[in-house]
Amino acid sequence: MNIDPELISGEGVTLSQAMSMGGETIVIGLSIVFGVLLILMCVLYVFGLIFNKKPKKTEVSVPAEAAAPVVEEPAEEDEEELIAILTAAVAASLNTSTYNLKIKSYRRISDNRPAWNRAGLRETIGNRL
């Protein structure tokens, strides 16, 4: 690219010459910015492939009420069935297999909150999923 000495000094430059030099500067600058952004995007994608490994097991400790809706269950239901139900509910909400989950403990929580509080909580949780 051959630059006229008039353009460097700015004396005797016509409007069309100044506009063309400005246009060239803008195109070169934008090309450099988007080129660097493209390189950065490719580097981040490669880092994601290298360092992003899926966990084999996910350990979840959830209250019984948060995992499934409150349903009156018979008292003779044993603990293993309850853990199986909780595991299935958590797996369904996380869109994963039950083999990837291990529930270590659970506890029932009392529901003495007002109805508007429970409705707001359900709405907030529903919006996050």
Protein backbone atom coordinates (compact mmCIF):
# COMPACT_ATOMS: atom_id res chain seq x y z
CA MET A 1 0.00 0.00 0.00
CA ASN A 2 1.49 3.27 -1.12
CA ILE A 3 0.60 6.24 1.13
CA ASP A 4 0.89 9.72 -0.31
CA PRO A 5 2.98 12.17 1.76
CA GLU A 6 0.03 14.56 1.54
CA LEU A 7 -2.10 12.14 3.53
CA ILE A 8 0.54 11.86 6.26
CA SER A 9 0.92 15.60 6.69
CA GLY A 10 -2.75 16.35 6.09
CA GLU A 11 -2.03 19.39 3.86
CA GLY A 12 -3.80 19.56 0.54
CA VAL A 13 -5.90 16.46 1.16
CA THR A 14 -9.29 16.35 -0.50
CA LEU A 15 -12.37 15.11 1.29
CA SER A 16 -12.58 11.98 -0.86
CA GLN A 17 -8.97 11.04 -0.05
CA ALA A 18 -9.52 11.55 3.67
CA MET A 19 -12.73 9.50 3.59
CA SER A 20 -11.09 6.65 1.69
CA MET A 21 -8.16 6.57 4.15
CA GLY A 22 -10.63 6.57 7.06
CA GLY A 23 -12.60 3.75 5.45
CA GLU A 24 -9.46 1.69 4.98
CA THR A 25 -8.53 2.27 8.63
CA ILE A 26 -11.97 1.16 9.80
CA VAL A 27 -11.94 -1.99 7.66
CA ILE A 28 -8.44 -2.95 8.80
CA GLY A 29 -9.30 -2.32 12.46
CA LEU A 30 -12.54 -4.30 12.34
CA SER A 31 -10.81 -7.15 10.51
CA ILE A 32 -8.16 -7.36 13.22
CA VAL A 33 -10.74 -7.29 16.04
CA PHE A 34 -12.97 -9.98 14.53
CA GLY A 35 -9.95 -12.09 13.57
CA VAL A 36 -8.69 -12.07 17.15
CA LEU A 37 -12.20 -12.85 18.45
CA LEU A 38 -12.42 -15.80 16.06
CA ILE A 39 -9.05 -17.11 17.23
CA LEU A 40 -10.13 -16.69 20.88
CA MET A 41 -13.38 -18.55 20.20
CA CYS A 42 -11.47 -21.45 18.64
CA VAL A 43 -9.02 -21.60 21.56
CA LEU A 44 -11.89 -21.66 24.10
CA TYR A 45 -13.65 -24.41 22.14
CA VAL A 46 -10.49 -26.54 22.15
CA PHE A 47 -10.04 -25.92 25.90
CA GLY A 48 -13.64 -27.04 26.42
CA LEU A 49 -12.96 -30.27 24.58
CA ILE A 50 -9.77 -30.93 26.53
CA PHE A 51 -10.75 -29.94 30.07
CA ASN A 52 -14.52 -30.49 30.19
CA LYS A 53 -15.03 -34.03 31.42
CA LYS A 54 -18.42 -35.31 32.50
CA PRO A 55 -18.60 -36.56 36.08
CA LYS A 56 -19.33 -40.26 36.49
CA LYS A 57 -21.37 -40.03 39.70
CA THR A 58 -23.27 -37.12 41.17
CA GLU A 59 -23.98 -37.17 44.87
CA VAL A 60 -27.15 -35.35 45.80
CA SER A 61 -28.52 -34.65 49.24
CA VAL A 62 -32.05 -33.28 48.99
CA PRO A 63 -34.93 -32.95 51.38
CA ALA A 64 -37.72 -35.42 50.67
CA GLU A 65 -40.23 -32.66 49.99
CA ALA A 66 -38.07 -30.85 47.44
CA ALA A 67 -37.59 -34.01 45.38
CA ALA A 68 -41.24 -35.08 45.10
CA PRO A 69 -44.63 -33.61 45.89
CA VAL A 70 -46.11 -34.37 49.29
CA VAL A 71 -48.27 -37.48 49.05
CA GLU A 72 -49.77 -39.37 51.95
CA GLU A 73 -47.96 -42.71 51.95
CA PRO A 74 -48.68 -45.78 54.03
CA ALA A 75 -46.56 -46.14 57.17
CA GLU A 76 -45.39 -49.65 56.22
CA GLU A 77 -43.35 -48.42 53.23
CA ASP A 78 -39.75 -49.30 53.89
CA GLU A 79 -36.81 -46.94 53.57
CA GLU A 80 -35.32 -48.55 50.44
CA GLU A 81 -38.48 -47.89 48.43
CA LEU A 82 -38.50 -44.26 49.58
CA ILE A 83 -34.87 -43.80 48.53
CA ALA A 84 -35.66 -45.39 45.15
CA ILE A 85 -38.55 -42.97 44.67
CA LEU A 86 -36.42 -39.99 45.66
CA THR A 87 -33.62 -41.09 43.34
CA ALA A 88 -36.05 -41.45 40.44
CA ALA A 89 -37.56 -38.01 41.11
CA VAL A 90 -34.16 -36.30 41.30
CA ALA A 91 -32.96 -38.12 38.16
CA ALA A 92 -36.09 -37.04 36.29
CA SER A 93 -35.65 -33.41 37.32
CA LEU A 94 -31.94 -33.43 36.34
CA ASN A 95 -32.57 -35.35 33.07
CA THR A 96 -30.00 -38.01 33.94
CA SER A 97 -29.92 -41.70 34.76
CA THR A 98 -30.41 -43.08 38.25
CA TYR A 99 -27.06 -44.82 37.92
CA ASN A 100 -25.36 -41.41 37.98
CA LEU A 101 -26.91 -40.50 41.34
CA LYS A 102 -26.29 -41.62 44.88
CA ILE A 103 -28.53 -40.24 47.59
CA LYS A 104 -26.63 -40.34 50.86
CA SER A 105 -29.29 -39.01 53.18
CA TYR A 106 -32.71 -37.45 53.25
CA ARG A 107 -34.93 -35.79 55.77
CA ARG A 108 -38.51 -34.63 55.83
CA ILE A 109 -39.14 -30.97 56.36
CA SER A 110 -42.29 -29.53 57.82
CA ASP A 111 -44.39 -27.41 55.52
CA ASN A 112 -45.73 -24.67 57.75
CA ARG A 113 -45.23 -21.90 55.19
CA PRO A 114 -48.17 -19.84 53.89
CA ALA A 115 -49.73 -20.85 50.58
CA TRP A 116 -48.43 -17.75 48.77
CA ASN A 117 -44.88 -18.63 49.88
CA ARG A 118 -45.17 -22.19 48.54
CA ALA A 119 -46.62 -20.93 45.23
CA GLY A 120 -43.80 -18.41 44.83
CA LEU A 121 -41.22 -21.09 45.56
CA ARG A 122 -42.73 -23.45 42.98
CA GLU A 123 -42.83 -20.65 40.40
CA THR A 124 -39.19 -19.69 41.04
CA ILE A 125 -38.00 -23.29 40.79
CA GLY A 126 -40.08 -23.81 37.65
CA ASN A 127 -38.54 -20.75 35.97
CA ARG A 128 -34.99 -21.94 36.70
CA LEU A 129 -35.56 -25.33 35.07
